[in-house]
Amino acid sequence: MNKIEKCRLMIVATLKELTDLNVEAISELVLSIPIQTYKKGTVLLNQGDKPDMSYYLLMGLFVSMCVMSMVKKSLLIFI
């Protein structure tokens, strides 16, 4: 089972708990959701960019860095 299949199973399990939809409807919905994998170090958005989609972390590590001036940097890591 690859990472995308694992993610789809995680979404199905979550939706089973949160909705009254039957398994067939949930499976159809989940198959329509685009799931992408990104290599370590991939920059999804730069400061000031307007996103054209939503990102949801299903596996891995998310790092956000905000540069406030040439001297000061803030680093947030979400696991």
N, C-alpha and C. Protein backbone atom coordinates (compact mmCIF):
# COMPACT_ATOMS: atom_id res chain seq x y z
N MET A 1 0.85 -1.18 0.00
CA MET A 1 0.00 0.00 0.00
C MET A 1 0.90 1.24 0.00
N ASN A 2 0.65 2.13 -0.95
CA ASN A 2 1.48 3.34 -1.02
C ASN A 2 0.92 4.45 -0.12
N LYS A 3 1.63 5.56 -0.06
CA LYS A 3 1.26 6.67 0.83
C LYS A 3 -0.12 7.25 0.50
N ILE A 4 -0.42 7.36 -0.79
CA ILE A 4 -1.71 7.95 -1.18
C ILE A 4 -2.85 7.04 -0.77
N GLU A 5 -2.69 5.74 -0.93
CA GLU A 5 -3.73 4.80 -0.50
C GLU A 5 -3.93 4.87 1.02
N LYS A 6 -2.83 4.99 1.77
CA LYS A 6 -2.93 5.14 3.23
C LYS A 6 -3.70 6.41 3.60
N CYS A 7 -3.42 7.48 2.89
CA CYS A 7 -4.10 8.75 3.16
C CYS A 7 -5.59 8.63 2.87
N ARG A 8 -5.93 7.99 1.77
CA ARG A 8 -7.35 7.81 1.44
C ARG A 8 -8.05 7.00 2.53
N LEU A 9 -7.41 5.95 3.04
CA LEU A 9 -8.00 5.15 4.11
C LEU A 9 -8.19 5.98 5.38
N MET A 10 -7.23 6.86 5.67
CA MET A 10 -7.35 7.74 6.84
C MET A 10 -8.56 8.67 6.68
N ILE A 11 -8.75 9.20 5.49
CA ILE A 11 -9.87 10.11 5.24
C ILE A 11 -11.19 9.35 5.36
N VAL A 12 -11.25 8.15 4.80
CA VAL A 12 -12.48 7.34 4.89
C VAL A 12 -12.82 7.07 6.35
N ALA A 13 -11.84 6.67 7.14
CA ALA A 13 -12.07 6.38 8.56
C ALA A 13 -12.58 7.61 9.30
N THR A 14 -12.01 8.76 9.00
CA THR A 14 -12.43 10.00 9.65
C THR A 14 -13.86 10.37 9.26
N LEU A 15 -14.17 10.27 7.97
CA LEU A 15 -15.52 10.62 7.51
C LEU A 15 -16.58 9.67 8.04
N LYS A 16 -16.22 8.40 8.25
CA LYS A 16 -17.17 7.44 8.83
C LYS A 16 -17.60 7.90 10.22
N GLU A 17 -16.66 8.45 10.97
CA GLU A 17 -16.95 8.91 12.33
C GLU A 17 -17.69 10.24 12.35
N LEU A 18 -17.45 11.09 11.36
CA LEU A 18 -17.98 12.46 11.39
C LEU A 18 -19.28 12.66 10.61
N THR A 19 -19.65 11.68 9.77
CA THR A 19 -20.84 11.86 8.94
C THR A 19 -21.77 10.65 9.04
N ASP A 20 -22.95 10.82 8.50
CA ASP A 20 -23.92 9.72 8.41
C ASP A 20 -23.91 9.08 7.03
N LEU A 21 -22.94 9.45 6.19
CA LEU A 21 -22.87 8.89 4.85
C LEU A 21 -22.53 7.40 4.92
N ASN A 22 -23.02 6.64 3.94
CA ASN A 22 -22.67 5.22 3.90
C ASN A 22 -21.27 5.05 3.30
N VAL A 23 -20.72 3.87 3.44
CA VAL A 23 -19.34 3.61 3.01
C VAL A 23 -19.17 3.84 1.51
N GLU A 24 -20.17 3.48 0.72
CA GLU A 24 -20.09 3.67 -0.73
C GLU A 24 -19.99 5.16 -1.08
N ALA A 25 -20.81 5.99 -0.44
CA ALA A 25 -20.78 7.44 -0.70
C ALA A 25 -19.45 8.04 -0.26
N ILE A 26 -18.98 7.61 0.90
CA ILE A 26 -17.69 8.11 1.40
C ILE A 26 -16.56 7.73 0.45
N SER A 27 -16.56 6.49 0.00
CA SER A 27 -15.50 6.03 -0.91
C SER A 27 -15.51 6.81 -2.21
N GLU A 28 -16.70 7.08 -2.74
CA GLU A 28 -16.82 7.86 -3.97
C GLU A 28 -16.29 9.28 -3.76
N LEU A 29 -16.63 9.87 -2.63
CA LEU A 29 -16.17 11.22 -2.30
C LEU A 29 -14.65 11.26 -2.18
N VAL A 30 -14.11 10.30 -1.46
CA VAL A 30 -12.65 10.28 -1.21
C VAL A 30 -11.88 10.08 -2.51
N LEU A 31 -12.40 9.28 -3.42
CA LEU A 31 -11.72 9.07 -4.70
C LEU A 31 -11.67 10.34 -5.55
N SER A 32 -12.59 11.29 -5.28
CA SER A 32 -12.61 12.53 -6.05
C SER A 32 -11.68 13.60 -5.47
N ILE A 33 -11.12 13.34 -4.29
CA ILE A 33 -10.23 14.31 -3.64
C ILE A 33 -8.81 14.13 -4.18
N PRO A 34 -8.22 15.19 -4.75
CA PRO A 34 -6.84 15.06 -5.22
C PRO A 34 -5.87 15.01 -4.02
N ILE A 35 -5.03 14.00 -4.02
CA ILE A 35 -4.02 13.87 -2.97
C ILE A 35 -2.66 13.87 -3.65
N GLN A 36 -1.78 14.74 -3.17
CA GLN A 36 -0.45 14.86 -3.77
C GLN A 36 0.61 14.62 -2.71
N THR A 37 1.74 14.13 -3.15
CA THR A 37 2.89 14.00 -2.25
C THR A 37 3.95 15.00 -2.71
N TYR A 38 4.71 15.49 -1.74
CA TYR A 38 5.76 16.46 -2.02
C TYR A 38 7.06 15.98 -1.41
N LYS A 39 8.15 16.23 -2.08
CA LYS A 39 9.46 15.85 -1.56
C LYS A 39 9.87 16.80 -0.44
N LYS A 40 10.71 16.31 0.44
CA LYS A 40 11.23 17.12 1.53
C LYS A 40 11.88 18.39 0.96
N GLY A 41 11.55 19.52 1.58
CA GLY A 41 12.13 20.79 1.16
C GLY A 41 11.31 21.54 0.12
N THR A 42 10.21 20.95 -0.33
CA THR A 42 9.36 21.61 -1.32
C THR A 42 8.69 22.84 -0.70
N VAL A 43 8.78 23.96 -1.39
CA VAL A 43 8.12 25.19 -0.94
C VAL A 43 6.76 25.25 -1.61
N LEU A 44 5.69 25.23 -0.81
CA LEU A 44 4.34 25.27 -1.36
C LEU A 44 3.89 26.70 -1.61
N LEU A 45 4.21 27.59 -0.69
CA LEU A 45 3.84 29.00 -0.82
C LEU A 45 4.97 29.87 -0.31
N ASN A 46 5.19 30.96 -0.97
CA ASN A 46 6.12 31.97 -0.47
C ASN A 46 5.32 33.07 0.21
N GLN A 47 5.99 33.79 1.10
CA GLN A 47 5.32 34.88 1.80
C GLN A 47 4.72 35.85 0.79
N GLY A 48 3.44 36.17 0.97
CA GLY A 48 2.75 37.10 0.08
C GLY A 48 1.99 36.42 -1.05
N ASP A 49 2.26 35.12 -1.31
CA ASP A 49 1.53 34.40 -2.35
C ASP A 49 0.08 34.19 -1.94
N LYS A 50 -0.81 34.22 -2.91
CA LYS A 50 -2.21 33.90 -2.67
C LYS A 50 -2.42 32.45 -3.11
N PRO A 51 -2.81 31.58 -2.17
CA PRO A 51 -2.98 30.16 -2.55
C PRO A 51 -4.17 29.97 -3.48
N ASP A 52 -4.05 28.99 -4.38
CA ASP A 52 -5.15 28.67 -5.28
C ASP A 52 -5.83 27.36 -4.88
N MET A 53 -5.39 26.78 -3.76
CA MET A 53 -6.01 25.56 -3.24
C MET A 53 -5.73 25.47 -1.75
N SER A 54 -6.41 24.54 -1.11
CA SER A 54 -6.19 24.31 0.32
C SER A 54 -5.23 23.14 0.48
N TYR A 55 -4.42 23.19 1.51
CA TYR A 55 -3.49 22.11 1.80
C TYR A 55 -3.83 21.53 3.16
N TYR A 56 -3.90 20.21 3.24
CA TYR A 56 -4.15 19.50 4.49
C TYR A 56 -3.04 18.48 4.67
N LEU A 57 -2.36 18.55 5.78
CA LEU A 57 -1.27 17.62 6.05
C LEU A 57 -1.84 16.32 6.57
N LEU A 58 -1.59 15.22 5.86
CA LEU A 58 -2.07 13.91 6.28
C LEU A 58 -0.94 13.08 6.89
N MET A 59 0.27 13.26 6.40
CA MET A 59 1.44 12.55 6.92
C MET A 59 2.65 13.46 6.82
N GLY A 60 3.54 13.35 7.77
CA GLY A 60 4.81 14.05 7.64
C GLY A 60 4.94 15.27 8.54
N LEU A 61 5.75 16.20 8.10
CA LEU A 61 6.14 17.36 8.89
C LEU A 61 5.88 18.63 8.08
N PHE A 62 5.38 19.64 8.75
CA PHE A 62 5.09 20.93 8.11
C PHE A 62 5.94 21.99 8.80
N VAL A 63 6.68 22.75 8.02
CA VAL A 63 7.51 23.82 8.57
C VAL A 63 7.07 25.13 7.94
N SER A 64 6.90 26.15 8.78
CA SER A 64 6.54 27.46 8.30
C SER A 64 7.55 28.47 8.84
N MET A 65 8.12 29.25 7.94
CA MET A 65 9.08 30.26 8.38
C MET A 65 8.59 31.62 7.93
N CYS A 66 8.62 32.56 8.85
CA CYS A 66 8.21 33.93 8.56
C CYS A 66 9.41 34.84 8.80
N VAL A 67 9.84 35.55 7.78
CA VAL A 67 10.95 36.48 7.91
C VAL A 67 10.38 37.86 8.14
N MET A 68 10.63 38.42 9.34
CA MET A 68 10.04 39.71 9.69
C MET A 68 10.97 40.88 9.36
N SER A 69 12.24 40.62 9.33
CA SER A 69 13.22 41.62 8.91
C SER A 69 14.48 40.88 8.51
N MET A 70 15.49 41.59 8.12
CA MET A 70 16.73 40.92 7.72
C MET A 70 17.41 40.24 8.90
N VAL A 71 17.10 40.65 10.11
CA VAL A 71 17.76 40.11 11.29
C VAL A 71 16.91 39.07 11.99
N LYS A 72 15.61 39.26 11.98
CA LYS A 72 14.71 38.45 12.77
C LYS A 72 13.98 37.41 11.91
N LYS A 73 14.00 36.15 12.36
CA LYS A 73 13.27 35.07 11.66
C LYS A 73 12.47 34.31 12.68
N SER A 74 11.30 33.88 12.31
CA SER A 74 10.48 33.02 13.15
C SER A 74 10.30 31.70 12.43
N LEU A 75 10.41 30.59 13.16
CA LEU A 75 10.25 29.28 12.57
C LEU A 75 9.22 28.50 13.37
N LEU A 76 8.20 28.02 12.68
CA LEU A 76 7.16 27.21 13.31
C LEU A 76 7.22 25.81 12.70
N ILE A 77 7.22 24.80 13.53
CA ILE A 77 7.22 23.43 13.06
C ILE A 77 5.98 22.73 13.61
N PHE A 78 5.19 22.12 12.74
CA PHE A 78 4.00 21.39 13.13
C PHE A 78 4.20 19.93 12.81
N ILE A 79 3.94 19.09 13.77
CA ILE A 79 4.10 17.65 13.55
C ILE A 79 2.74 17.00 13.60
